[in-house]
Every structure is written in C-alpha cells, then in structure tokens.
C-alpha cells in the first residue's frame, strides 16, 4: 500500500511540475495589439515596368514572310506597377524597417501610419543579401517606435503575434507560436529564419513578429505556399537584423566580414577520408587570391572547425558568423589539415569591397518586363542570383518578379526561374516572348517551360495560354 501511495505522489509531483513550467495561453491579445498597432505601417510603392506587345491588331499566319520582317517591330511600352508591404517604426523621427524586396526598384514610396495618415518616405539603406531595408518618413512629426527583443531567447512553442498589411487590407493582427528555429529555405545568402504558424500572407512582408512583451523578435519575410498562408511563415531573427539595420542607418550600406573562401558541406565520406571524428565544419573548396585567408595560409581542402571561438557544426553557419564579425578584426580560425588541428590568425576583410563581390554584384535597378500572355513580370537572371541560389554554372533564364492573380501559372511563386521554353534555353526576355508569340499562333496554344522553384528543384510545366 505504501508503494502505491509513493507512486501516486510521484505522478502528482511530476504532473504538477509540468503544469508549473507551462504558460497559459493569453486570454486576449487586444491590449498588446492596441499598444503596438500605431508603430506598424503599411507600405505602397510604384515603379515603371516595360512590356513588349504586338503593335498590330492582328497576327501574321505561321510561315508568312511578314512574320520575320516585323518580329522585332514592337515598341516596348512602359507602365506603372504598384506593390504592397509592411514595416515598423524603430525611432520617433520616423525610421522604418521593412524588407528590401518590398521597396526594391521603387520610384515612389508611401508609408501609411495608423491606417489613415500617409507620408512619403526615402530609402536610407537597403541590403539585398539579408533582404532588409531602412526608410525615413519625410515628416517632422514624432512617431511611436517599438523596441527589438532578444531573438536568441525565443523558444519553440512561445506565443507570438504578427501585424501587417496582408493583401492590402491594412493593419491586421494574427497570432500563433514559434514552430521552429534556424530554418534555411534558399531565398537569401544569410538565412537563419524563425518559423511561425501565425498567419502571414502577401503584403505582410517587412512587418514585425512580436513576443508577448511587445518586443520585435523577427521581420516577417516569406511564406511557404502558392497563394496565401498555410501556417508556415518565416521571419528574420531580430538579433541578426539589428546588425544590418544599425549599419544601414550609420553608413547607408553594410560592412560585412570576409574570409575569402568558397566552402561546401563536409559529408560522411569526406569526414572518413580526412579521419575526422564526424561530419562537421566547412570544407574549403577554393581560396581567393590575396584574400585574408590566402594571406593567412588557408588552403583548399582545409576544414574550418571553429571561427573566433565558435564551433562550426554545419557549413551554412560559417558565412553568417563571418558576416556579423567586425571588418579588420583579427580572429582565430581552427582548421583540420592532415589529420590534425591547426590555428590560424586571420585579419578579416570587407565583403562588399572584395573582388568576388564586385564581380557578382548585379546592376542596380534591373529592368522589369511584362509577358502579357503569361501575365507575369520578369527580369534577367544575373550572376548574383546564380551565386546566391547555388545554381549550375552557366545557368540562364528569367526570374519571376510578379504574378497576376489570373495568370495561367499563378500556382508558381515569386523568384521561380524560367530556364527553358519549348525545350530551348532562355537567354533573354525577347526569346521567351518570341516563343510565346509562336505558341499563340498554333491551335493548341500550349508551351512547355522548365523552371527552378525556390528550393532549386528543376521541373517541367505545361502551360495553356488563353
């Protein structure tokens, strides 16, 4: 009998401990939302896009001698396109944080505060690599800012709320929990996303993810899904974002640390060959000439195990840690070479002034063109895209930058890449337009395109044109 009582008491205390550690769900988010709403803004932008359209009110029949004669006769037409996003105020002077992709290429930026007051805004600085931009509202009024929290303390299962401008509907509050940490989805070079099931939709980009103390722990950036929220959204952690934001405010640009190496994963096979205890670290595939690593004696084939006192468990951790380290700082880098550990002192360079970065840097403000028949807006794939997405060398194609709701391929996503049409490589916007025009003259009015999706998976899609 005593044993039974002891077991029952043990179960009671175990259950009591579990309940004591857990937190009750908030009875309401109303007070918190009311406090935070004035600090969250709606952002609308306009930019000029170029469309190519048939200038004639008819099409020449296939094989007509006039078809080739007039195929390049169309005059590009310019039109204004608009986009919507979200942001949040971090300084009473009207400093606003948002995503770079919300304002990229914008000619005019309008910020709406409290759902009614509209102000023009200018870009203080923008960083495509982290997808962060900082704006300044053009007004002498004082605004209500929010504070950043410590995203490193955010735990899986914590309650969060997101506030933004989904589908242009204005200030909208959604709630959920942190679903996962340290997510990488292939959208940018430096990824360490917080995953949440708080509903995030088109237009929420750039908006804040708050903890229950009303502090910003993330910048809502991406959703997983075709048209809207399916309970999987991604936010840039505030601790990573703050470093970029502070640099953009102070310098108008970023100043990231740079080692000057190209790296890859350490597989089990490589670990076995190098007599490493387990797959870990980052394998140096090549070293840039005259780079900080080259000057310090780092060689291709070395495995970087530790950087500035931080263990490198996976390859993808290293670029982020290096980028967040002060330019010019001398750091100790532990490497694995010839089955033993070696420590090298490396003085970090600056990524943005490196030859590799300058070579890969895309031209500012890429021209966008509309393929009317597909009802999508596209731009040329560039070297920086290939580098960021880790696409095969020599890949050519068009990056989808906009998709109309009634597009025949509206199930695709922004940043998908069209690489082929009718089994032909796409090297220019004009080539795709020409193939689409030819398909429109056939009875089937169907084209076969090949794309890379946002996970870099290549697949073919049959498209029926209207």
Protein backbone atom coordinates (compact mmCIF):
# COMPACT_ATOMS: atom_id res chain seq x y z
CA UNK A 1 0.00 0.00 0.00
CA UNK A 2 2.88 2.35 0.85
CA UNK A 3 4.40 1.65 -2.59
CA UNK A 4 1.12 2.56 -4.32
CA UNK A 5 0.92 5.84 -2.34
CA UNK A 6 4.54 6.62 -3.22
CA UNK A 7 3.88 6.04 -6.94
CA UNK A 8 0.74 8.22 -6.85
CA UNK A 9 2.63 11.02 -5.08
CA UNK A 10 5.42 10.80 -7.66
CA UNK A 11 2.94 11.06 -10.54
CA UNK A 12 1.27 14.04 -8.83
CA UNK A 13 4.55 15.93 -8.39
CA UNK A 14 5.67 15.18 -11.97
CA UNK A 15 2.38 16.46 -13.39
CA UNK A 16 2.45 19.48 -11.07
CA UNK A 17 5.99 20.32 -12.27
CA UNK A 18 4.97 20.11 -15.94
CA UNK A 19 1.95 22.37 -15.40
CA UNK A 20 4.00 24.79 -13.34
CA UNK A 21 6.55 25.14 -16.12
CA UNK A 22 3.93 25.65 -18.85
CA UNK A 23 2.33 29.03 -19.50
CA UNK A 24 -1.35 29.60 -20.05
CA UNK A 25 -2.49 30.88 -23.44
CA UNK A 26 -3.28 34.62 -23.33
CA UNK A 27 -6.93 35.32 -22.63
CA UNK A 28 -6.77 38.08 -25.26
CA UNK A 29 -4.19 39.84 -27.43
CA UNK A 30 -6.31 43.00 -27.51
CA UNK A 31 -4.30 45.16 -25.08
CA UNK A 32 -0.99 44.21 -26.70
CA UNK A 33 -2.31 44.74 -30.24
CA UNK A 34 -3.77 48.14 -29.32
CA UNK A 35 -0.41 49.23 -27.92
CA UNK A 36 1.59 48.06 -30.96
CA UNK A 37 -0.66 48.96 -33.92
CA UNK A 38 0.44 52.64 -34.14
CA UNK A 39 4.05 51.50 -34.69
CA UNK A 40 3.27 49.19 -37.62
CA UNK A 41 2.97 50.83 -41.05
CA UNK A 42 1.60 49.92 -44.44
CA UNK A 43 3.94 50.50 -47.38
CA UNK A 44 2.94 51.03 -51.00
CA UNK A 45 5.41 51.53 -53.85
CA UNK A 46 5.27 52.32 -57.56
CA UNK A 47 7.79 51.58 -60.28
CA UNK A 48 7.98 51.56 -64.06
CA UNK A 49 7.92 48.23 -65.89
CA UNK A 50 8.49 47.66 -69.58
CA UNK A 51 6.08 45.49 -71.56
CA UNK A 52 6.52 44.09 -75.04
CA UNK A 53 3.32 43.76 -77.03
CA UNK A 54 2.33 43.12 -80.63
CA UNK A 55 1.76 46.61 -82.15
CA UNK A 56 -0.65 45.24 -84.74
CA UNK A 57 -4.32 44.42 -84.10
CA UNK A 58 -3.73 41.05 -85.78
CA UNK A 59 -1.12 38.30 -86.05
CA UNK A 60 0.62 37.06 -89.17
CA UNK A 61 -0.13 33.41 -90.07
CA UNK A 62 2.66 30.87 -89.41
CA UNK A 63 5.19 30.82 -92.25
CA UNK A 64 4.19 34.26 -93.53
CA UNK A 65 7.14 36.23 -94.99
CA UNK A 66 5.95 39.19 -92.91
CA UNK A 67 6.38 37.23 -89.67
CA UNK A 68 10.17 37.55 -89.60
CA UNK A 69 10.10 41.02 -91.13
CA UNK A 70 8.03 42.50 -88.31
CA UNK A 71 9.00 40.20 -85.41
CA UNK A 72 11.13 42.89 -83.74
CA UNK A 73 8.92 45.80 -84.73
CA UNK A 74 7.11 46.05 -81.40
CA UNK A 75 7.91 49.12 -79.36
CA UNK A 76 8.39 48.47 -75.63
CA UNK A 77 5.63 50.08 -73.59
CA UNK A 78 6.16 51.49 -70.11
CA UNK A 79 3.55 51.34 -67.37
CA UNK A 80 3.35 51.94 -63.65
CA UNK A 81 3.18 48.91 -61.35
CA UNK A 82 2.38 49.01 -57.65
CA UNK A 83 3.28 46.74 -54.75
CA UNK A 84 2.27 46.50 -51.10
CA UNK A 85 4.14 45.56 -47.96
CA UNK A 86 4.54 46.26 -44.27
CA UNK A 87 7.08 47.80 -41.93
CA UNK A 88 7.55 49.08 -38.39
CA UNK A 89 8.85 52.25 -36.75
CA UNK A 90 12.02 51.95 -34.63
CA UNK A 91 12.70 55.65 -33.97
CA UNK A 92 10.42 58.55 -33.10
CA UNK A 93 11.95 60.51 -36.01
CA UNK A 94 10.19 58.13 -38.41
CA UNK A 95 12.82 55.46 -39.12
CA UNK A 96 11.06 52.44 -40.61
CA UNK A 97 12.33 48.88 -41.13
CA UNK A 98 10.97 46.66 -43.91
CA UNK A 99 12.12 44.03 -46.41
CA UNK A 100 14.37 45.02 -49.30
CA UNK A 101 12.12 43.20 -51.77
CA UNK A 102 9.19 45.43 -50.71
CA UNK A 103 10.93 48.62 -51.91
CA UNK A 104 13.42 47.30 -54.48
CA UNK A 105 13.24 49.31 -57.70
CA UNK A 106 10.60 51.65 -56.25
CA UNK A 107 10.34 55.17 -57.65
CA UNK A 108 7.84 56.36 -55.04
CA UNK A 109 7.30 55.04 -51.50
CA UNK A 110 4.23 55.91 -49.45
CA UNK A 111 4.03 54.95 -45.76
CA UNK A 112 0.63 54.87 -44.08
CA UNK A 113 0.56 55.24 -40.30
CA UNK A 114 -2.46 54.34 -38.14
CA UNK A 115 -4.30 53.30 -41.29
CA UNK A 116 -5.02 56.86 -42.38
CA UNK A 117 -2.06 59.29 -42.35
CA UNK A 118 0.10 58.99 -45.45
CA UNK A 119 3.69 60.20 -45.80
CA UNK A 120 6.36 59.98 -48.46
CA UNK A 121 9.47 58.06 -47.47
CA UNK A 122 13.03 57.77 -48.76
CA UNK A 123 15.46 54.85 -48.57
CA UNK A 124 18.29 55.30 -46.07
CA UNK A 125 19.89 52.00 -46.99
CA UNK A 126 18.98 48.58 -48.37
CA UNK A 127 20.65 45.18 -48.30
CA UNK A 128 19.52 42.52 -50.80
CA UNK A 129 21.68 39.81 -49.20
CA UNK A 130 19.70 39.87 -45.94
CA UNK A 131 16.51 41.31 -47.53
CA UNK A 132 16.40 44.27 -45.14
CA UNK A 133 15.78 47.95 -45.91
CA UNK A 134 15.59 51.07 -43.75
CA UNK A 135 13.36 54.02 -44.69
CA UNK A 136 12.86 57.51 -43.31
CA UNK A 137 9.41 59.12 -43.24
CA UNK A 138 9.54 62.62 -44.71
CA UNK A 139 7.87 64.45 -41.84
CA UNK A 140 8.83 66.44 -38.74
CA UNK A 141 6.15 64.72 -36.69
CA UNK A 142 7.03 62.37 -33.84
CA UNK A 143 6.08 58.73 -34.21
CA UNK A 144 5.65 55.86 -31.79
CA UNK A 145 8.52 53.35 -32.07
CA UNK A 146 8.80 49.73 -30.96
CA UNK A 147 11.84 48.02 -29.45
CA UNK A 148 13.78 44.97 -30.52
CA UNK A 149 13.78 41.91 -28.29
CA UNK A 150 16.39 39.18 -27.93
CA UNK A 151 15.53 36.64 -30.62
CA UNK A 152 18.08 34.18 -29.21
CA UNK A 153 15.81 33.78 -26.17
CA UNK A 154 12.77 32.96 -28.30
CA UNK A 155 11.87 29.29 -27.89
CA UNK A 156 9.90 26.84 -29.97
CA UNK A 157 6.35 26.95 -28.62
CA UNK A 158 6.45 30.59 -27.48
CA UNK A 159 3.41 32.72 -28.32
CA UNK A 160 3.92 35.43 -30.98
CA UNK A 161 1.76 37.90 -32.89
CA UNK A 162 2.29 39.31 -36.38
CA UNK A 163 0.91 42.66 -37.52
CA UNK A 164 0.93 43.77 -41.15
CA UNK A 165 -0.82 44.67 -44.37
CA UNK A 166 -1.95 41.35 -45.93
CA UNK A 167 -3.45 41.74 -49.40
CA UNK A 168 -3.54 45.50 -48.81
CA UNK A 169 -6.22 45.16 -46.13
CA UNK A 170 -4.38 47.38 -43.65
CA UNK A 171 -3.47 46.74 -40.02
CA UNK A 172 -4.19 43.07 -39.42
CA UNK A 173 -3.23 41.08 -36.31
CA UNK A 174 -2.60 37.32 -36.35
CA UNK A 175 -1.31 35.08 -33.59
CA UNK A 176 0.48 31.78 -33.29
CA UNK A 177 3.58 30.16 -31.87
CA UNK A 178 7.20 29.76 -32.90
CA UNK A 179 7.17 26.49 -34.83
CA UNK A 180 10.91 26.07 -35.47
CA UNK A 181 14.26 27.87 -35.39
CA UNK A 182 17.29 28.11 -37.68
CA UNK A 183 15.36 27.45 -40.90
CA UNK A 184 17.01 27.82 -44.33
CA UNK A 185 14.76 27.95 -47.41
CA UNK A 186 17.09 29.19 -50.18
CA UNK A 187 15.85 32.77 -50.54
CA UNK A 188 18.91 34.74 -49.44
CA UNK A 189 22.60 34.30 -48.66
CA UNK A 190 22.28 34.64 -44.89
CA UNK A 191 19.39 32.54 -43.63
CA UNK A 192 18.50 31.65 -40.06
CA UNK A 193 14.74 32.09 -40.12
CA UNK A 194 12.28 31.79 -37.27
CA UNK A 195 9.35 29.66 -38.46
CA UNK A 196 5.90 30.56 -37.16
CA UNK A 197 2.33 29.42 -37.70
CA UNK A 198 0.94 32.94 -37.17
CA UNK A 199 -0.86 33.65 -40.45
CA UNK A 200 1.44 35.57 -42.81
CA UNK A 201 0.22 36.44 -46.31
CA UNK A 202 1.22 38.51 -49.33
CA UNK A 203 1.60 42.07 -48.04
CA UNK A 204 2.87 41.01 -44.61
CA UNK A 205 6.46 41.19 -45.87
CA UNK A 206 8.54 43.57 -43.79
CA UNK A 207 6.12 43.55 -40.87
CA UNK A 208 7.12 42.69 -37.29
CA UNK A 209 6.82 39.47 -35.33
CA UNK A 210 6.27 40.36 -31.66
CA UNK A 211 6.77 38.41 -28.46
CA UNK A 212 4.32 38.69 -25.60
CA UNK A 213 6.26 41.62 -24.12
CA UNK A 214 5.63 43.64 -27.27
CA UNK A 215 9.23 43.43 -28.49
CA UNK A 216 10.15 42.72 -32.11
CA UNK A 217 11.87 39.34 -32.37
CA UNK A 218 11.56 38.93 -36.13
CA UNK A 219 10.87 40.58 -39.50
CA UNK A 220 8.23 38.65 -41.47
CA UNK A 221 9.79 37.86 -44.82
CA UNK A 222 8.47 34.75 -46.57
CA UNK A 223 5.64 32.26 -46.71
CA UNK A 224 5.60 28.66 -47.83
CA UNK A 225 2.66 28.21 -50.18
CA UNK A 226 1.28 29.23 -53.53
CA UNK A 227 -1.20 31.99 -52.80
CA UNK A 228 -1.57 32.52 -49.07
CA UNK A 229 -0.79 31.34 -45.57
CA UNK A 230 -0.79 27.63 -44.84
CA UNK A 231 0.60 28.10 -41.35
CA UNK A 232 4.27 28.19 -42.36
CA UNK A 233 5.82 31.65 -42.31
CA UNK A 234 9.42 32.77 -41.91
CA UNK A 235 10.92 35.75 -40.09
CA UNK A 236 14.44 37.18 -39.93
CA UNK A 237 15.60 37.00 -36.28
CA UNK A 238 15.91 40.43 -34.67
CA UNK A 239 19.45 39.82 -33.41
CA UNK A 240 20.69 39.24 -36.97
CA UNK A 241 18.59 42.08 -38.36
CA UNK A 242 19.81 44.65 -35.82
CA UNK A 243 23.42 44.38 -37.02
CA UNK A 244 22.39 45.11 -40.62
CA UNK A 245 19.91 47.84 -39.61
CA UNK A 246 22.46 49.68 -37.48
CA UNK A 247 24.99 49.63 -40.33
CA UNK A 248 22.43 50.87 -42.85
CA UNK A 249 21.47 53.74 -40.55
CA UNK A 250 25.09 54.68 -39.79
CA UNK A 251 26.75 54.12 -43.17
CA UNK A 252 23.90 53.72 -45.68
CA UNK A 253 25.40 50.34 -46.57
CA UNK A 254 26.61 47.13 -44.94
CA UNK A 255 30.14 46.30 -43.82
CA UNK A 256 30.44 42.54 -43.52
CA UNK A 257 33.45 40.50 -42.52
CA UNK A 258 35.10 38.49 -45.32
CA UNK A 259 37.37 35.45 -45.26
CA UNK A 260 37.78 34.94 -49.00
CA UNK A 261 36.97 31.24 -49.25
CA UNK A 262 34.39 29.19 -51.07
CA UNK A 263 33.07 26.41 -48.87
CA UNK A 264 30.97 23.27 -49.03
CA UNK A 265 29.43 20.70 -46.70
CA UNK A 266 31.55 18.05 -45.03
CA UNK A 267 29.92 14.76 -45.97
CA UNK A 268 30.35 11.48 -44.12
CA UNK A 269 32.61 10.26 -46.92
CA UNK A 270 34.85 13.34 -46.64
CA UNK A 271 34.96 13.05 -42.85
CA UNK A 272 36.03 9.40 -43.18
CA UNK A 273 38.73 10.23 -45.73
CA UNK A 274 40.09 13.08 -43.59
CA UNK A 275 39.91 10.94 -40.43
CA UNK A 276 37.60 13.49 -38.81
CA UNK A 277 35.51 12.12 -35.93
CA UNK A 278 32.21 13.09 -37.60
CA UNK A 279 30.89 15.33 -40.42
CA UNK A 280 31.27 18.89 -39.11
CA UNK A 281 32.75 22.22 -40.07
CA UNK A 282 33.08 23.78 -43.53
CA UNK A 283 35.30 22.34 -46.25
CA UNK A 284 37.33 24.98 -48.12
CA UNK A 285 36.74 24.36 -51.84
CA UNK A 286 38.88 27.31 -53.02
CA UNK A 287 40.69 30.36 -51.67
CA UNK A 288 40.52 33.78 -53.38
CA UNK A 289 43.93 35.15 -54.34
CA UNK A 290 45.25 37.85 -51.96
CA UNK A 291 42.23 37.37 -49.70
CA UNK A 292 42.53 37.36 -45.88
CA UNK A 293 42.52 33.55 -45.89
CA UNK A 294 45.14 33.39 -48.63
CA UNK A 295 47.43 35.74 -46.67
CA UNK A 296 46.94 33.64 -43.52
CA UNK A 297 47.84 30.40 -45.29
CA UNK A 298 44.42 28.74 -45.56
CA UNK A 299 44.43 26.15 -48.36
CA UNK A 300 41.82 24.34 -50.44
CA UNK A 301 40.99 21.09 -48.67
CA UNK A 302 41.21 22.57 -45.17
CA UNK A 303 38.17 22.08 -42.95
CA UNK A 304 37.21 25.09 -40.82
CA UNK A 305 36.13 23.71 -37.44
CA UNK A 306 35.99 26.86 -35.34
CA UNK A 307 35.76 30.59 -36.02
CA UNK A 308 36.58 33.17 -33.36
CA UNK A 309 35.75 30.71 -30.59
CA UNK A 310 32.51 29.47 -32.15
CA UNK A 311 32.24 25.82 -33.21
CA UNK A 312 31.07 25.35 -36.80
CA UNK A 313 28.67 22.42 -36.77
CA UNK A 314 27.39 22.89 -40.34
CA UNK A 315 28.80 24.69 -43.36
CA UNK A 316 25.88 27.14 -43.58
CA UNK A 317 26.68 28.56 -40.13
CA UNK A 318 30.06 29.98 -41.17
CA UNK A 319 29.03 32.71 -43.70
CA UNK A 320 26.57 34.22 -41.22
CA UNK A 321 29.08 34.28 -38.35
CA UNK A 322 31.83 35.76 -40.54
CA UNK A 323 29.49 38.41 -41.99
CA UNK A 324 28.46 39.54 -38.49
CA UNK A 325 32.09 39.96 -37.37
CA UNK A 326 33.73 43.38 -37.45
CA UNK A 327 35.79 44.21 -40.54
CA UNK A 328 39.52 44.42 -39.70
CA UNK A 329 39.23 42.23 -36.61
CA UNK A 330 41.93 39.56 -36.15
CA UNK A 331 40.23 36.23 -35.38
CA UNK A 332 41.50 32.77 -34.57
CA UNK A 333 40.34 30.12 -37.03
CA UNK A 334 40.78 26.45 -36.14
CA UNK A 335 41.20 24.19 -39.17
CA UNK A 336 41.64 20.45 -39.78
CA UNK A 337 44.57 19.65 -42.06
CA UNK A 338 46.49 16.41 -42.49
CA UNK A 339 44.51 14.78 -39.68
CA UNK A 340 45.36 17.40 -37.04
CA UNK A 341 44.07 20.72 -35.78
CA UNK A 342 45.86 23.95 -36.73
CA UNK A 343 45.04 27.50 -35.59
CA UNK A 344 45.44 30.46 -37.98
CA UNK A 345 45.16 34.17 -37.17
CA UNK A 346 43.19 35.95 -39.89
CA UNK A 347 42.51 39.67 -40.25
CA UNK A 348 39.05 39.94 -41.79
CA UNK A 349 38.50 41.94 -44.95
CA UNK A 350 35.25 43.55 -46.09
CA UNK A 351 32.91 41.52 -48.28
CA UNK A 352 31.42 44.49 -50.13
CA UNK A 353 34.83 45.68 -51.41
CA UNK A 354 36.12 42.23 -52.36
CA UNK A 355 36.72 41.38 -55.99
CA UNK A 356 34.38 38.37 -55.82
CA UNK A 357 31.52 40.52 -54.55
CA UNK A 358 32.09 43.30 -57.08
CA UNK A 359 32.15 40.78 -59.93
CA UNK A 360 28.94 39.13 -58.79
CA UNK A 361 27.12 42.33 -57.82
CA UNK A 362 24.07 42.83 -60.05
CA UNK A 363 23.38 46.07 -61.85
CA UNK A 364 21.19 48.37 -59.78
CA UNK A 365 17.53 48.59 -60.60
CA UNK A 366 17.15 45.72 -63.09
CA UNK A 367 14.57 46.43 -65.79
CA UNK A 368 11.35 44.50 -65.43
CA UNK A 369 9.27 43.36 -68.38
CA UNK A 370 5.73 42.01 -68.56
CA UNK A 371 4.92 38.89 -70.58
CA UNK A 372 1.28 39.72 -71.20
CA UNK A 373 0.20 36.27 -72.36
CA UNK A 374 1.59 34.62 -69.21
CA UNK A 375 0.56 37.60 -67.07
CA UNK A 376 3.89 37.64 -65.26
CA UNK A 377 6.65 40.21 -64.75
CA UNK A 378 10.23 39.00 -65.21
CA UNK A 379 13.83 40.15 -65.17
CA UNK A 380 17.06 38.59 -66.41
CA UNK A 381 18.85 36.09 -64.18
CA UNK A 382 22.21 37.54 -63.13
CA UNK A 383 25.48 36.31 -61.61
CA UNK A 384 24.46 37.25 -58.10
CA UNK A 385 21.29 35.13 -58.44
CA UNK A 386 23.36 32.16 -59.56
CA UNK A 387 25.77 32.62 -56.66
CA UNK A 388 23.06 33.07 -54.02
CA UNK A 389 20.90 30.22 -55.28
CA UNK A 390 23.92 27.96 -55.95
CA UNK A 391 22.67 27.21 -59.44
CA UNK A 392 24.78 25.34 -62.00
CA UNK A 393 27.42 27.49 -63.63
CA UNK A 394 26.22 28.91 -66.94
CA UNK A 395 22.52 28.83 -66.00
CA UNK A 396 20.48 31.35 -67.99
CA UNK A 397 16.86 32.36 -67.63
CA UNK A 398 14.33 34.82 -66.26
CA UNK A 399 13.43 35.45 -62.62
CA UNK A 400 9.69 35.86 -61.99
CA UNK A 401 9.17 39.12 -60.06
CA UNK A 402 5.38 39.38 -60.29
CA UNK A 403 2.44 37.05 -60.98
CA UNK A 404 -1.10 38.27 -61.72
CA UNK A 405 -3.94 36.53 -59.92
CA UNK A 406 -5.41 35.35 -63.25
CA UNK A 407 -2.06 34.19 -64.67
CA UNK A 408 -2.11 30.67 -66.20
CA UNK A 409 0.87 29.93 -63.93
CA UNK A 410 -0.43 31.62 -60.78
CA UNK A 411 0.47 28.47 -58.83
CA UNK A 412 4.17 29.34 -59.22
CA UNK A 413 5.98 31.64 -56.82
CA UNK A 414 7.91 34.90 -56.97
CA UNK A 415 11.64 34.17 -57.57
CA UNK A 416 10.95 30.97 -59.51
CA UNK A 417 13.27 30.93 -62.53
CA UNK A 418 12.18 30.09 -66.10
CA UNK A 419 15.16 28.41 -67.77
CA UNK A 420 13.56 26.75 -70.83
CA UNK A 421 10.57 27.12 -73.11
CA UNK A 422 9.70 24.50 -75.74
CA UNK A 423 12.99 22.73 -74.82
CA UNK A 424 15.00 25.84 -75.76
CA UNK A 425 17.29 27.66 -73.33
CA UNK A 426 16.02 31.12 -72.40
CA UNK A 427 18.77 33.75 -72.57
CA UNK A 428 16.66 36.89 -72.89
CA UNK A 429 13.18 38.24 -72.29
CA UNK A 430 12.78 38.67 -76.04
CA UNK A 431 13.39 34.93 -76.60
CA UNK A 432 10.61 33.91 -74.23
CA UNK A 433 8.26 36.49 -75.74
CA UNK A 434 9.00 35.15 -79.22
CA UNK A 435 8.29 31.53 -78.19
CA UNK A 436 5.05 32.60 -76.51
CA UNK A 437 4.01 34.53 -79.64
CA UNK A 438 4.66 31.48 -81.82
CA UNK A 439 2.66 29.25 -79.47
CA UNK A 440 -0.27 31.68 -79.62
CA UNK A 441 -0.49 31.12 -83.38
CA UNK A 442 -0.97 27.36 -83.02
CA UNK A 443 -4.25 25.56 -82.36
CA UNK A 444 -3.00 24.12 -79.05
CA UNK A 445 -1.69 27.43 -77.67
CA UNK A 446 0.43 25.47 -75.22
CA UNK A 447 4.07 25.80 -74.22
CA UNK A 448 6.35 23.58 -72.17
CA UNK A 449 8.51 25.52 -69.74
CA UNK A 450 11.21 24.37 -67.32
CA UNK A 451 11.70 26.18 -64.03
CA UNK A 452 13.79 26.14 -60.89
CA UNK A 453 11.47 26.54 -57.91
CA UNK A 454 12.58 28.34 -54.74
CA UNK A 455 14.09 25.12 -53.41
CA UNK A 456 16.20 24.92 -56.63
CA UNK A 457 14.30 21.87 -57.84
CA UNK A 458 14.06 21.72 -61.63
CA UNK A 459 10.76 20.69 -63.16
CA UNK A 460 8.74 20.96 -66.38
CA UNK A 461 5.31 22.57 -66.60
CA UNK A 462 2.80 22.54 -69.44
CA UNK A 463 1.09 25.93 -69.78
CA UNK A 464 -2.17 26.52 -71.65
CA UNK A 465 -2.29 30.07 -72.96
CA UNK A 466 -5.59 31.95 -73.21
